[in-house]
Amino acid sequence: MIGEHVIVGYTHDAGGREALALGSTITRVTGGELTVAAVYPPGSPGRAVEAQANLAEAGVALEDVPSEYIAFESRGAGRGLGVLASRIKADLIVVGSASGGQHGRIVLGSTGDHLLHRSPQAVMMVPSGYVPAGGPSRLTLAYVHRPQCDEAVPRVAQAALRLGVPLRLITFDLRTDDPGRIRDDLALAVRLAWETTGIEAEPDVAEGHDPAAAMEAAGWLPGELLVCAASEDAEPHRVFLGEVAMKLLRAASIPVTVLPRGFS
């Protein structure tokens, strides 16, 4: 299940602190392991010392939360987090938004952009200014009828059962598809969730003239988490978001998790 071993990419800024807060909240709910990582470039002793100082700061913020702290050398933070996640067998990488963007939205920096195109593990992006609501309240899977989403349905349904929260299957209709077909596809996905896990998923359609409008129309609960499957263009066992999904992510006011292709 997502959250059995969470790695937080920690930086000395608001995004790093928000990622740390959400990552620790998830592991408290799942009972999973938490690793806090600070990545620094090679050949930079000063940056290595800074990474250690940042980890000490994170330890103070977490107080008594059981955690492991790793300063990791890599040419890039996104690449380093991906390599480290594979090495320690983490199943979720949590990173905050870059500074300077719109409050309440996900703002991609170089780290997030790299992870959303190359990560070997699931990636959770945290909106700027996000404060965890004490635990997940609902899991919502962005659904379209294609193999990657169909594979994600039972896995996300199982995660909802383990977390003890409802599951919603939502299609973002940008008014380019047949409404009847969308409803039929959702009905099949709801049946798939029931047959594989016994959970009664809620089908939903959010309409909008563009991804931002559709995202706003979806209606989000405090503590809700959105899950997206990787694009069909993704390499096996890698994250990759298509153009529309990336626009949805940028418009999201809640944390978004992207699963790698073939996620298990």
Protein backbone atom coordinates (compact mmCIF):
# COMPACT_ATOMS: atom_id res chain seq x y z
CA MET A 1 0.00 0.00 0.00
CA ILE A 2 1.14 3.57 -0.61
CA GLY A 3 2.62 4.91 2.61
CA GLU A 4 4.33 1.80 3.96
CA HIS A 5 7.65 3.66 3.63
CA VAL A 6 7.54 7.38 2.93
CA ILE A 7 10.55 9.50 2.00
CA VAL A 8 10.24 13.27 2.38
CA GLY A 9 12.47 15.53 0.34
CA TYR A 10 13.28 18.14 2.96
CA THR A 11 14.46 21.67 2.22
CA HIS A 12 14.91 24.69 4.46
CA ASP A 13 11.80 26.52 3.27
CA ALA A 14 8.02 26.49 3.54
CA GLY A 15 7.66 23.75 0.91
CA GLY A 16 10.03 21.49 2.82
CA ARG A 17 8.18 22.01 6.08
CA GLU A 18 4.81 21.36 4.43
CA ALA A 19 6.09 18.15 2.84
CA LEU A 20 7.46 17.05 6.21
CA ALA A 21 4.14 17.69 7.95
CA LEU A 22 2.16 15.72 5.38
CA GLY A 23 4.66 12.87 5.14
CA SER A 24 4.66 12.39 8.91
CA THR A 25 0.84 12.56 8.98
CA ILE A 26 0.62 9.78 6.40
CA THR A 27 2.97 7.46 8.27
CA ARG A 28 1.12 8.06 11.54
CA VAL A 29 -2.04 6.81 9.83
CA THR A 30 -0.47 3.90 7.95
CA GLY A 31 2.03 2.92 10.62
CA GLY A 32 4.72 3.04 7.94
CA GLU A 33 8.36 4.06 8.05
CA LEU A 34 9.40 7.68 7.56
CA THR A 35 12.70 8.76 6.04
CA VAL A 36 13.65 12.43 5.77
CA ALA A 37 16.23 13.18 3.09
CA ALA A 38 18.24 16.29 2.26
CA VAL A 39 20.03 16.13 -1.09
CA TYR A 40 23.24 18.08 -1.75
CA PRO A 41 25.48 18.34 -4.84
CA PRO A 42 28.79 16.46 -5.10
CA GLY A 43 32.03 18.23 -4.28
CA SER A 44 30.33 20.75 -1.99
CA PRO A 45 31.38 20.26 1.64
CA GLY A 46 29.53 23.40 2.67
CA ARG A 47 26.28 22.15 1.16
CA ALA A 48 26.78 18.79 2.87
CA VAL A 49 27.02 20.56 6.23
CA GLU A 50 23.93 22.58 5.33
CA ALA A 51 22.04 19.37 4.52
CA GLN A 52 22.92 17.95 7.94
CA ALA A 53 21.75 21.16 9.59
CA ASN A 54 18.46 20.98 7.69
CA LEU A 55 17.95 17.41 8.86
CA ALA A 56 18.56 18.47 12.46
CA GLU A 57 15.91 21.15 11.97
CA ALA A 58 13.50 18.53 10.63
CA GLY A 59 14.18 16.33 13.64
CA VAL A 60 13.20 19.14 15.98
CA ALA A 61 9.98 19.71 14.01
CA LEU A 62 9.05 16.02 14.19
CA GLU A 63 9.83 15.77 17.90
CA ASP A 64 9.14 12.15 18.92
CA VAL A 65 8.04 10.82 15.50
CA PRO A 66 10.22 7.76 14.69
CA SER A 67 12.21 8.72 11.61
CA GLU A 68 15.45 8.12 9.76
CA TYR A 69 17.48 11.08 8.47
CA ILE A 70 19.72 10.85 5.41
CA ALA A 71 21.94 13.44 3.74
CA PHE A 72 22.36 12.19 0.19
CA GLU A 73 24.80 13.33 -2.48
CA SER A 74 23.45 13.69 -6.01
CA ARG A 75 23.73 15.94 -9.05
CA GLY A 76 20.07 16.87 -8.69
CA ALA A 77 17.53 16.73 -5.87
CA GLY A 78 14.89 14.95 -7.95
CA ARG A 79 17.34 12.38 -9.24
CA GLY A 80 18.77 11.88 -5.76
CA LEU A 81 15.37 11.31 -4.18
CA GLY A 82 14.46 8.77 -6.87
CA VAL A 83 17.72 6.86 -6.43
CA LEU A 84 17.46 6.93 -2.65
CA ALA A 85 13.81 5.84 -2.69
CA SER A 86 14.73 2.79 -4.77
CA ARG A 87 17.71 2.02 -2.54
CA ILE A 88 15.74 2.06 0.73
CA LYS A 89 12.60 0.60 -0.88
CA ALA A 90 10.37 3.58 -0.14
CA ASP A 91 7.02 3.49 -1.93
CA LEU A 92 6.15 7.20 -1.80
CA ILE A 93 8.20 10.37 -2.28
CA VAL A 94 6.68 13.53 -0.79
CA VAL A 95 7.89 16.95 -1.92
CA GLY A 96 6.58 20.45 -1.34
CA SER A 97 5.91 23.24 -3.78
CA ALA A 98 8.60 25.59 -5.01
CA SER A 99 8.59 29.08 -3.56
CA GLY A 100 7.24 32.09 -5.38
CA GLY A 101 4.06 30.57 -6.82
CA GLN A 102 0.37 30.91 -6.10
CA HIS A 103 -0.62 30.12 -2.52
CA GLY A 104 -2.86 27.07 -2.25
CA ARG A 105 -1.67 25.56 -5.53
CA ILE A 106 1.03 23.10 -6.50
CA VAL A 107 4.07 24.93 -7.80
CA LEU A 108 6.63 22.80 -9.60
CA GLY A 109 10.32 23.46 -9.23
CA SER A 110 13.12 21.45 -10.80
CA THR A 111 12.81 18.69 -8.15
CA GLY A 112 9.09 18.14 -8.63
CA ASP A 113 9.36 18.40 -12.40
CA HIS A 114 12.07 15.73 -12.51
CA LEU A 115 10.14 13.37 -10.24
CA LEU A 116 6.92 13.75 -12.22
CA HIS A 117 8.74 12.69 -15.37
CA ARG A 118 11.23 10.09 -14.12
CA SER A 119 10.49 8.85 -10.59
CA PRO A 120 10.54 5.06 -10.03
CA GLN A 121 8.17 5.47 -7.08
CA ALA A 122 4.85 7.17 -6.45
CA VAL A 123 5.22 10.94 -6.02
CA MET A 124 3.05 13.16 -3.82
CA MET A 125 3.10 16.90 -4.49
CA VAL A 126 1.96 19.24 -1.72
CA PRO A 127 0.24 22.58 -2.48
CA SER A 128 1.84 25.78 -1.23
CA GLY A 129 0.60 26.61 2.28
CA TYR A 130 -1.04 23.22 2.79
CA VAL A 131 -1.79 22.17 6.38
CA PRO A 132 -2.70 18.48 6.99
CA ALA A 133 -6.19 17.96 8.41
CA GLY A 134 -5.09 15.24 10.83
CA GLY A 135 -5.30 12.38 8.35
CA PRO A 136 -6.80 11.50 4.96
CA SER A 137 -10.58 11.95 4.72
CA ARG A 138 -11.16 10.48 1.24
CA LEU A 139 -9.14 9.09 -1.65
CA THR A 140 -10.13 10.24 -5.13
CA LEU A 141 -8.77 8.54 -8.23
CA ALA A 142 -8.77 10.54 -11.46
CA TYR A 143 -10.29 8.01 -13.83
CA VAL A 144 -10.46 7.56 -17.58
CA HIS A 145 -11.03 4.21 -19.22
CA ARG A 146 -7.49 3.15 -20.09
CA PRO A 147 -5.20 0.38 -18.82
CA GLN A 148 -3.20 2.51 -16.39
CA CYS A 149 -6.32 3.75 -14.61
CA ASP A 150 -7.98 0.33 -14.63
CA GLU A 151 -4.88 -1.12 -12.96
CA ALA A 152 -4.94 1.67 -10.38
CA VAL A 153 -8.57 1.13 -9.34
CA PRO A 154 -8.09 -1.98 -7.14
CA ARG A 155 -4.82 -0.67 -5.72
CA VAL A 156 -6.26 2.68 -4.70
CA ALA A 157 -9.40 0.90 -3.44
CA GLN A 158 -7.22 -1.29 -1.23
CA ALA A 159 -5.43 1.82 0.06
CA ALA A 160 -8.80 3.40 0.93
CA LEU A 161 -9.77 0.28 2.87
CA ARG A 162 -6.49 0.27 4.77
CA LEU A 163 -6.87 3.96 5.59
CA GLY A 164 -10.53 3.54 6.50
CA VAL A 165 -11.70 6.30 4.16
CA PRO A 166 -14.20 6.48 1.27
CA LEU A 167 -13.11 6.09 -2.34
CA ARG A 168 -14.27 8.35 -5.15
CA LEU A 169 -13.67 7.68 -8.84
CA ILE A 170 -13.85 10.93 -10.75
CA THR A 171 -13.63 11.80 -14.42
CA PHE A 172 -12.71 15.36 -15.32
CA ASP A 173 -14.90 16.11 -18.32
CA LEU A 174 -13.53 18.98 -20.37
CA ARG A 175 -16.62 18.79 -22.58
CA THR A 176 -14.81 16.84 -25.23
CA ASP A 177 -16.30 13.39 -24.52
CA ASP A 178 -19.69 11.72 -24.66
CA PRO A 179 -21.34 12.05 -21.19
CA GLY A 180 -23.11 8.71 -21.57
CA ARG A 181 -19.87 6.88 -22.28
CA ILE A 182 -18.18 8.57 -19.31
CA ARG A 183 -20.94 7.35 -16.98
CA ASP A 184 -20.75 3.83 -18.42
CA ASP A 185 -16.97 3.74 -17.97
CA LEU A 186 -17.29 4.93 -14.38
CA ALA A 187 -19.91 2.27 -13.66
CA LEU A 188 -17.49 -0.41 -14.84
CA ALA A 189 -14.74 1.07 -12.66
CA VAL A 190 -17.04 1.08 -9.63
CA ARG A 191 -17.81 -2.58 -10.26
CA LEU A 192 -14.09 -3.33 -10.59
CA ALA A 193 -13.43 -1.74 -7.20
CA TRP A 194 -16.25 -3.76 -5.63
CA GLU A 195 -15.24 -7.07 -7.19
CA THR A 196 -11.58 -6.74 -6.18
CA THR A 197 -11.88 -5.21 -2.70
CA GLY A 198 -15.53 -5.05 -1.65
CA ILE A 199 -15.46 -1.26 -1.36
CA GLU A 200 -18.39 0.81 -2.68
CA ALA A 201 -16.72 3.59 -4.65
CA GLU A 202 -18.56 6.81 -5.44
CA PRO A 203 -18.60 7.72 -9.16
CA ASP A 204 -18.38 11.40 -10.01
CA VAL A 205 -17.90 13.70 -13.00
CA ALA A 206 -16.42 17.18 -12.75
CA GLU A 207 -17.16 19.33 -15.79
CA GLY A 208 -15.29 22.40 -16.90
CA HIS A 209 -14.19 24.27 -19.98
CA ASP A 210 -10.57 23.72 -18.96
CA PRO A 211 -8.66 21.62 -16.37
CA ALA A 212 -8.68 24.40 -13.75
CA ALA A 213 -12.46 24.83 -13.98
CA ALA A 214 -13.05 21.08 -13.83
CA MET A 215 -10.77 20.78 -10.79
CA GLU A 216 -12.66 23.55 -9.01
CA ALA A 217 -16.00 21.91 -9.81
CA ALA A 218 -14.97 18.60 -8.23
CA GLY A 219 -15.61 19.64 -4.64
CA TRP A 220 -12.87 18.66 -2.19
CA LEU A 221 -13.05 17.65 1.45
CA PRO A 222 -10.48 18.80 4.02
CA GLY A 223 -7.84 16.07 4.11
CA GLU A 224 -8.77 14.61 0.71
CA LEU A 225 -6.03 13.18 -1.49
CA LEU A 226 -6.13 12.96 -5.29
CA VAL A 227 -4.41 10.05 -7.05
CA CYS A 228 -3.49 9.99 -10.74
CA ALA A 229 -2.13 7.12 -12.82
CA ALA A 230 0.90 7.68 -15.01
CA SER A 231 0.49 8.42 -18.70
CA GLU A 232 0.55 5.58 -21.20
CA ASP A 233 3.72 7.25 -22.50
CA ALA A 234 5.55 6.52 -19.26
CA GLU A 235 8.36 4.02 -19.25
CA PRO A 236 7.64 0.85 -17.24
CA HIS A 237 7.91 1.52 -13.50
CA ARG A 238 8.30 5.26 -14.02
CA VAL A 239 6.11 8.27 -13.36
CA PHE A 240 5.14 10.44 -16.32
CA LEU A 241 2.24 12.89 -16.54
CA GLY A 242 0.57 13.87 -19.79
CA GLU A 243 -0.30 17.44 -20.70
CA VAL A 244 -3.89 17.46 -19.39
CA ALA A 245 -2.98 15.67 -16.15
CA MET A 246 -0.18 18.16 -15.56
CA LYS A 247 -2.64 21.03 -15.93
CA LEU A 248 -4.98 19.35 -13.43
CA LEU A 249 -2.10 18.96 -11.00
CA ARG A 250 -1.14 22.63 -11.29
CA ALA A 251 -4.76 23.60 -10.55
CA ALA A 252 -5.10 21.31 -7.53
CA SER A 253 -5.64 22.75 -4.06
CA ILE A 254 -5.08 19.35 -2.40
CA PRO A 255 -2.11 16.96 -2.41
CA VAL A 256 -1.78 14.92 -5.59
CA THR A 257 -0.13 11.51 -5.80
CA VAL A 258 1.04 10.19 -9.18
CA LEU A 259 1.60 6.45 -9.53
CA PRO A 260 4.35 5.04 -11.71
CA ARG A 261 3.40 2.86 -14.66
CA GLY A 262 2.92 -0.72 -13.49
CA PHE A 263 2.59 0.37 -9.85
CA SER A 264 2.04 -2.56 -7.51
